[in-house]
Structure formats: structure tokens, C-alpha cells
Amino acid sequence: MASDFRLKEQLPKLTATIVATYTEHDRINYLGHCPLPNYEVIESILDDLKDIVYPGYRRREGLHRGNVMYHVGDLVDKLHDKLTAQIARALQHDDRINNRGGDCETKTDYEAKGQAIAIRFLEQLPRLRSVLATDVEAAFDGDPAVSGRDEIIFCYPGLEAITTYRFAHELRRLGVPFIPRMMTEQAHSSTGIDIHPGAKIGDHFFIDHGTGVVIGETCDIGSYCKIYQGVTLGALSFPTDSDGQLIRGQKRHPTIEDYVVIYANATILGGKTVVGTRSVIGSSVWITSSVAPSTTVVLEKPNLRVRGGVPDELKPEANYQI
């Protein structure tokens, strides 16, 4: 069927109506001349970082002792340039937001600031790689279904999420705005695991299965901890000031001490909530107050009611303990 060109003539008017909203709702558009951090470049930075941390498992094949120095050197050189540019963009945009400055009207050398932070971040890669090695070991020691460390690096969404988090957390610690959250949200979209880059997580951390895990901004997690799918480490409430505005910067999320295991779908809330060392939190529990060290918290066993269409040994209307 031929298209009706008279209908298409309405498109310029429709376009003008849409553009008019850019003035009315100007807080959800950016029309400045200074470039913002770029999602595609941030994703490429993550790919480069993972190539460095897990050489041979990612994009580049055929690595060996004879060529790995060149390969890593090339990646570090590219990362320096990309990080410098993207961090500079993030710093400049953050200043514009906070100081209400005009587009690109500043004497601040953001490129120099971005380069300094990029170098400081790259200097942390040996340490970050050592920490991530403990996360791989935690997965290997904590999952009897895994055949080896290669499978963890190739396949485990928990390691993918924690790897991205550790990069993002380091950038946030160095004062980089926007980019850390862009990184962790990329991991969130691909793994279903939502870790805020502001959270503090110790070594030997293992997320098993992982889908639906949420770890809030002010959460503190110790070393040798293990959590399962659907766990929420969240805020109990959001304090507001006299004008009803959210008060930011306070601790809102729980503290999880060393050697804690949290099973599937448990919810632990509140900035004053502390789960003590070597405690075990059972599935589907709801916790809003502190748990003493070496404590096990579980729900009482519910009754299972079965109605009809069952074998003789399971009588209809009978209750069974599970």
C-alpha cells in the first residue's frame, strides 16, 4: 500500500512540538557544546581493563610470555588516553552542574586533572588484580559445581559484576563523577547484579548465581563473605530535612562483617544494622536490626498444603512440614 505523503507533512510540526519540551523540561536534556562522558568509550575502557586483569580470556588470543608485555603496554597506552579524556569530560560537567557555569567557560585545565587521575588509577591495577584473584578463589572454594578457575572467569556473572565494581569503586575513590556509576550500571544490565560503586567490599567476595542482588551505596562488606541470588542490602528509610528534601551522605545501608553467608532472597536493611562475623542469614528473612557474631538466622519452617491430584501418600488437605 502506498504511503500517504499528506500524513508525512505533519512531521515538521510534530518535531517542533517535541523540541519545545526541551525548554519546558530542561533538566532531562543536555544541549551544551562541551561533550559528556561517552557510554561506548566507557564500555571499551572496561573491555581493555578486563583484558589486562584476565589476559588471554577475553578478546586477544595467542598471548604468551613473549608478546604479553607489548599487548599490555598497548592497552595501557590506550587506556591512558581514553581515561584522560573521559575523566576530564566528567569533571568539567560536574563543575558545570555544581557551579552553574557556562558551556566550556572555565580556566580550569580539566585535561591535566583527568590525566593525573588516570595515572593514579592505572597505578592501582596490580593491587586490583591481586584482590580479584582472591574473588576467583572464593568462587572456586565456595561452589562445588565449578570445574575450575577458567570456568569462573569465562562464565560467572558474579565475578563479572565484582570485577566492574572494583574498577568503578577505585575511580569513585579518586573523585571521578558519573563514570563509576556508568560502569556498574553496564554490569547491572548484563548480569542482573546491582552494586553501587560507593559500597565497600573486602577481598575473597563471592556472589553465587547473582540475579537480583542489590548492594547499596553505603554498604560495608568484610572479607570472605558469600551471598546468593536475590539478596538485598538496602536502606531502611530515607531521612529528609525540614523542607522534605532527602538528606544525602549519611550511612543508609548495612554493615556485613567477615565470613558472613547470606542465602537467597534475604533482605537486610538500615545503616545501623550490623551482621556480625561468621553469621549465617537464611533464605527469605527480613532483617532491620543487628545480628550478633556467630549467629544463624532462619525462618521457622512453614506448612505445605497440598490439594488434589497427588499420589495416595500425599492426602488432600493434609499439612506437611518442609
Protein backbone atom coordinates (compact mmCIF):
# COMPACT_ATOMS: atom_id res chain seq x y z
CA MET A 1 0.00 0.00 0.00
CA ALA A 2 1.41 3.37 -0.95
CA SER A 3 2.21 5.74 1.92
CA ASP A 4 0.15 8.90 2.37
CA PHE A 5 2.51 11.90 1.91
CA ARG A 6 -0.10 14.18 3.44
CA LEU A 7 0.43 12.39 6.77
CA LYS A 8 4.19 12.83 6.48
CA GLU A 9 3.70 16.58 6.09
CA GLN A 10 2.71 16.63 9.77
CA LEU A 11 6.20 15.57 10.90
CA PRO A 12 7.81 19.07 10.96
CA LYS A 13 5.02 20.28 13.27
CA LEU A 14 5.46 17.21 15.46
CA THR A 15 9.22 17.82 15.60
CA ALA A 16 8.68 21.43 16.70
CA THR A 17 6.31 20.25 19.46
CA ILE A 18 8.92 17.79 20.76
CA VAL A 19 11.74 20.36 20.67
CA ALA A 20 9.56 22.86 22.56
CA THR A 21 9.58 20.47 25.53
CA TYR A 22 13.37 20.82 25.72
CA THR A 23 12.82 24.25 27.23
CA GLU A 24 9.92 23.25 29.45
CA HIS A 25 11.67 20.16 30.80
CA ASP A 26 15.29 21.24 30.51
CA ARG A 27 16.52 19.04 33.36
CA ILE A 28 16.31 15.90 31.23
CA ASN A 29 18.26 17.14 28.20
CA TYR A 30 21.76 18.43 27.65
CA LEU A 31 22.27 20.79 24.71
CA GLY A 32 25.70 22.19 25.55
CA HIS A 33 28.76 22.27 23.33
CA CYS A 34 31.09 20.55 25.81
CA PRO A 35 30.99 16.76 25.32
CA LEU A 36 29.77 14.45 28.09
CA PRO A 37 31.29 11.09 29.04
CA ASN A 38 30.53 8.61 26.28
CA TYR A 39 28.91 5.25 27.12
CA GLU A 40 30.55 3.42 24.21
CA VAL A 41 34.00 4.63 25.23
CA ILE A 42 33.36 3.72 28.88
CA GLU A 43 32.41 0.19 27.79
CA SER A 44 35.58 -0.04 25.70
CA ILE A 45 37.59 1.07 28.76
CA LEU A 46 36.02 -1.76 30.76
CA ASP A 47 36.89 -4.23 28.00
CA ASP A 48 40.52 -3.04 27.99
CA LEU A 49 40.72 -3.28 31.78
CA LYS A 50 39.35 -6.82 31.78
CA ASP A 51 41.87 -7.75 29.07
CA ILE A 52 44.63 -6.58 31.40
CA VAL A 53 43.25 -8.27 34.52
CA TYR A 54 42.36 -11.55 32.78
CA PRO A 55 44.82 -11.77 29.86
CA GLY A 56 44.09 -14.50 27.35
CA TYR A 57 40.45 -14.95 28.42
CA ARG A 58 38.95 -12.00 26.60
CA ARG A 59 39.43 -10.52 23.12
CA ARG A 60 43.08 -11.27 22.41
CA GLU A 61 44.09 -14.84 21.64
CA GLY A 62 47.56 -16.31 21.35
CA LEU A 63 49.13 -14.42 24.24
CA HIS A 64 52.35 -15.80 25.70
CA ARG A 65 55.33 -14.62 27.71
CA GLY A 66 56.99 -13.30 24.58
CA ASN A 67 54.23 -10.90 23.49
CA VAL A 68 52.21 -10.13 26.62
CA MET A 69 54.40 -7.15 27.53
CA TYR A 70 53.68 -5.49 24.18
CA HIS A 71 49.97 -6.32 24.41
CA VAL A 72 49.57 -4.89 27.90
CA GLY A 73 51.70 -1.87 27.05
CA ASP A 74 49.46 -1.10 24.09
CA LEU A 75 46.35 -1.40 26.26
CA VAL A 76 47.79 0.80 29.00
CA ASP A 77 48.70 3.46 26.45
CA LYS A 78 45.18 3.45 25.00
CA LEU A 79 43.62 3.43 28.45
CA HIS A 80 45.68 6.45 29.47
CA ASP A 81 44.29 8.46 26.56
CA LYS A 82 40.68 7.29 26.87
CA LEU A 83 40.58 7.67 30.65
CA THR A 84 42.16 11.11 30.49
CA ALA A 85 39.57 12.38 28.02
CA GLN A 86 36.54 10.77 29.69
CA ILE A 87 37.52 11.79 33.23
CA ALA A 88 38.15 15.36 32.03
CA ARG A 89 34.65 15.45 30.50
CA ALA A 90 33.11 14.10 33.70
CA LEU A 91 34.95 16.59 35.92
CA GLN A 92 34.00 19.53 33.72
CA HIS A 93 30.35 18.57 33.54
CA ASP A 94 30.23 18.02 37.30
CA ASP A 95 31.64 21.51 37.84
CA ARG A 96 29.06 22.99 35.48
CA ILE A 97 26.27 21.33 37.43
CA ASN A 98 27.54 22.35 40.86
CA ASN A 99 28.75 25.84 39.96
CA ARG A 100 26.20 26.64 37.25
CA GLY A 101 28.94 27.67 34.88
CA GLY A 102 28.52 28.36 31.19
CA ASP A 103 29.47 25.88 28.50
CA CYS A 104 33.25 25.45 28.39
CA GLU A 105 33.76 28.85 30.06
CA THR A 106 36.44 27.98 32.58
CA LYS A 107 40.15 28.38 33.11
CA THR A 108 40.45 25.01 34.84
CA ASP A 109 42.66 22.54 33.00
CA TYR A 110 40.40 19.50 33.17
CA GLU A 111 42.61 17.56 30.78
CA ALA A 112 45.52 17.84 33.23
CA LYS A 113 43.29 16.79 36.11
CA GLY A 114 41.96 13.89 34.08
CA GLN A 115 45.45 12.72 33.21
CA ALA A 116 46.62 12.84 36.83
CA ILE A 117 43.66 10.75 37.96
CA ALA A 118 44.08 8.34 35.04
CA ILE A 119 47.70 7.69 36.01
CA ARG A 120 46.78 7.18 39.68
CA PHE A 121 44.07 4.74 38.66
CA LEU A 122 46.32 2.76 36.33
CA GLU A 123 48.89 2.51 39.13
CA GLN A 124 46.27 0.61 41.16
CA LEU A 125 45.80 -2.16 38.60
CA PRO A 126 48.38 -4.55 40.13
CA ARG A 127 46.63 -4.25 43.51
CA LEU A 128 43.17 -4.61 41.99
CA ARG A 129 44.29 -7.70 40.10
CA SER A 130 45.53 -9.24 43.36
CA VAL A 131 42.17 -8.58 45.03
CA LEU A 132 40.26 -10.00 42.07
CA ALA A 133 42.41 -13.13 42.25
CA THR A 134 41.01 -13.66 45.76
CA ASP A 135 37.47 -13.27 44.40
CA VAL A 136 38.16 -16.01 41.86
CA GLU A 137 39.48 -18.24 44.66
CA ALA A 138 36.38 -17.51 46.75
CA ALA A 139 34.17 -18.69 43.88
CA PHE A 140 36.30 -21.81 43.37
CA ASP A 141 36.25 -22.66 47.08
CA GLY A 142 32.58 -21.82 47.51
CA ASP A 143 30.93 -23.60 44.57
CA PRO A 144 31.23 -27.40 44.23
CA ALA A 145 29.66 -27.19 40.75
CA VAL A 146 32.60 -25.33 39.24
CA SER A 147 35.14 -27.35 37.26
CA GLY A 148 37.99 -24.86 37.54
CA ARG A 149 39.03 -21.24 37.66
CA ASP A 150 38.76 -20.91 33.89
CA GLU A 151 35.04 -21.58 34.11
CA ILE A 152 34.66 -18.86 36.74
CA ILE A 153 36.45 -16.26 34.61
CA PHE A 154 34.57 -17.25 31.46
CA CYS A 155 31.09 -17.79 32.85
CA TYR A 156 30.31 -16.44 36.31
CA PRO A 157 28.16 -13.28 36.39
CA GLY A 158 29.14 -12.69 39.99
CA LEU A 159 32.79 -12.31 39.03
CA GLU A 160 31.84 -10.09 36.08
CA ALA A 161 29.89 -7.77 38.38
CA ILE A 162 32.50 -7.65 41.14
CA THR A 163 35.28 -7.02 38.58
CA THR A 164 33.46 -4.00 37.18
CA TYR A 165 32.60 -2.83 40.69
CA ARG A 166 36.25 -2.88 41.79
CA PHE A 167 37.27 -0.68 38.84
CA ALA A 168 34.36 1.67 39.44
CA HIS A 169 34.94 1.89 43.19
CA GLU A 170 38.57 2.87 42.65
CA LEU A 171 37.60 5.64 40.22
CA ARG A 172 34.99 6.91 42.66
CA ARG A 173 37.56 6.86 45.46
CA LEU A 174 39.78 9.06 43.26
CA GLY A 175 36.96 11.60 42.93
CA VAL A 176 35.65 10.78 39.44
CA PRO A 177 31.94 11.63 38.96
CA PHE A 178 29.45 9.87 36.64
CA ILE A 179 31.82 7.28 35.16
CA PRO A 180 31.83 4.83 38.10
CA ARG A 181 28.04 4.63 38.05
CA MET A 182 28.03 4.27 34.28
CA MET A 183 30.34 1.28 34.69
CA THR A 184 28.34 -0.50 37.38
CA GLU A 185 25.07 0.07 35.53
CA GLN A 186 26.60 -1.57 32.46
CA ALA A 187 27.40 -4.59 34.64
CA HIS A 188 23.92 -4.43 36.15
CA SER A 189 22.29 -4.61 32.73
CA SER A 190 24.38 -7.61 31.67
CA THR A 191 24.38 -9.63 34.92
CA GLY A 192 21.31 -8.56 36.89
CA ILE A 193 23.60 -7.68 39.82
CA ASP A 194 23.37 -4.10 41.08
CA ILE A 195 26.41 -2.99 43.10
CA HIS A 196 26.74 0.72 43.78
CA PRO A 197 30.34 1.88 43.25
CA GLY A 198 30.27 3.60 46.64
CA ALA A 199 29.90 0.32 48.54
CA LYS A 200 32.98 -1.00 50.35
CA ILE A 201 33.67 -4.71 49.79
CA GLY A 202 36.56 -6.73 51.18
CA ASP A 203 38.55 -9.45 49.48
CA HIS A 204 37.50 -13.07 48.82
CA PHE A 205 33.96 -11.97 47.89
CA PHE A 206 31.65 -14.42 46.12
CA ILE A 207 28.19 -13.85 44.65
CA ASP A 208 26.68 -17.21 43.70
CA HIS A 209 24.17 -17.18 40.80
CA GLY A 210 23.67 -13.47 41.40
CA THR A 211 20.48 -12.43 39.61
CA GLY A 212 18.62 -9.78 41.57
CA VAL A 213 21.38 -8.94 44.06
CA VAL A 214 21.32 -5.31 45.23
CA ILE A 215 24.16 -3.76 47.26
CA GLY A 216 23.60 -0.14 48.27
CA GLU A 217 25.92 2.85 48.20
CA THR A 218 26.90 2.96 51.89
CA CYS A 219 27.07 -0.78 52.44
CA ASP A 220 30.20 -2.16 54.13
CA ILE A 221 31.06 -5.81 53.45
CA GLY A 222 34.02 -7.52 55.07
CA SER A 223 36.30 -10.23 53.74
CA TYR A 224 35.40 -13.85 52.94
CA CYS A 225 31.69 -13.12 52.53
CA LYS A 226 29.32 -15.06 50.30
CA ILE A 227 25.85 -14.06 49.11
CA TYR A 228 23.29 -15.73 46.88
CA GLN A 229 20.75 -14.55 44.32
CA GLY A 230 18.06 -12.06 45.24
CA VAL A 231 19.83 -10.67 48.31
CA THR A 232 19.12 -7.00 49.07
CA LEU A 233 21.45 -4.94 51.24
CA GLY A 234 19.39 -1.78 51.27
CA ALA A 235 18.19 1.29 53.11
CA LEU A 236 15.55 1.11 55.82
CA SER A 237 14.34 4.67 55.31
CA PHE A 238 15.33 7.91 53.63
CA PRO A 239 15.75 10.81 56.10
CA THR A 240 14.57 14.22 54.93
CA ASP A 241 15.27 17.79 56.03
CA SER A 242 12.73 20.43 57.15
CA ASP A 243 11.83 21.08 53.51
CA GLY A 244 11.18 17.42 52.80
CA GLN A 245 14.33 17.01 50.72
CA LEU A 246 16.39 13.85 51.01
CA ILE A 247 19.43 14.17 53.28
CA ARG A 248 22.34 12.74 51.34
CA GLY A 249 25.71 11.48 52.50
CA GLN A 250 24.53 9.50 55.55
CA LYS A 251 25.08 5.79 56.06
CA ARG A 252 21.84 4.12 54.99
CA HIS A 253 22.90 0.55 54.25
CA PRO A 254 24.02 -2.33 56.49
CA THR A 255 27.45 -3.48 57.59
CA ILE A 256 28.31 -7.12 56.91
CA GLU A 257 31.34 -8.32 58.85
CA ASP A 258 33.85 -11.02 57.82
CA TYR A 259 32.93 -14.63 56.94
CA VAL A 260 29.18 -13.98 56.66
CA VAL A 261 26.96 -16.12 54.39
CA ILE A 262 23.63 -14.69 53.19
CA TYR A 263 21.27 -17.06 51.40
CA ALA A 264 18.84 -16.38 48.58
CA ASN A 265 16.26 -13.58 48.76
CA ALA A 266 17.29 -12.36 52.20
CA THR A 267 16.70 -8.64 52.82
CA ILE A 268 18.93 -6.72 55.25
CA LEU A 269 18.16 -3.04 55.71
CA GLY A 270 19.41 0.02 57.57
CA GLY A 271 22.60 1.94 58.18
CA LYS A 272 22.71 0.91 61.84
CA THR A 273 22.25 -2.78 61.07
CA VAL A 274 25.38 -4.88 61.60
CA VAL A 275 25.61 -8.59 60.79
CA GLY A 276 28.37 -9.97 62.98
CA THR A 277 31.34 -12.06 61.96
CA ARG A 278 30.69 -15.68 60.91
CA SER A 279 26.91 -15.30 60.99
CA VAL A 280 24.60 -17.13 58.59
CA ILE A 281 21.46 -15.46 57.27
CA GLY A 282 18.89 -17.87 55.89
CA SER A 283 16.75 -17.55 52.79
CA SER A 284 13.93 -15.01 52.58
CA VAL A 285 14.48 -13.46 56.02
CA TRP A 286 13.86 -9.76 56.65
CA ILE A 287 16.38 -8.10 58.98
CA THR A 288 16.30 -4.49 60.23
CA SER A 289 18.32 -4.83 63.45
CA SER A 290 21.82 -6.05 64.22
CA VAL A 291 22.82 -9.71 64.44
CA ALA A 292 25.46 -10.84 66.94
CA PRO A 293 28.58 -12.64 65.70
CA SER A 294 28.33 -16.39 65.02
CA THR A 295 24.52 -16.27 64.83
CA THR A 296 22.26 -18.21 62.47
CA VAL A 297 19.03 -16.50 61.46
CA VAL A 298 16.36 -18.57 59.67
CA LEU A 299 12.60 -18.57 59.19
CA GLU A 300 10.60 -21.19 61.03
CA LYS A 301 9.55 -24.00 58.71
CA PRO A 302 6.19 -23.19 57.09
CA ASN A 303 3.39 -25.67 56.47
CA LEU A 304 2.91 -27.01 52.96
CA ARG A 305 -0.73 -27.61 51.99
CA VAL A 306 -1.39 -29.97 49.03
CA ARG A 307 -4.82 -30.13 47.36
CA GLY A 308 -5.88 -32.87 44.92
CA GLY A 309 -4.10 -34.51 42.00
CA VAL A 310 -1.44 -36.07 44.20
CA PRO A 311 -0.28 -39.63 44.97
CA ASP A 312 -2.00 -41.57 47.73
CA GLU A 313 0.82 -40.95 50.13
CA LEU A 314 0.06 -37.21 49.99
CA LYS A 315 -3.53 -36.95 51.13
CA PRO A 316 -5.55 -33.89 50.05
CA GLU A 317 -5.98 -31.19 52.66
CA ALA A 318 -3.13 -32.63 54.74
CA ASN A 319 -0.39 -30.42 56.12
CA TYR A 320 3.23 -31.38 55.69
CA GLN A 321 6.27 -29.86 57.31
CA ILE A 322 9.07 -28.70 54.97
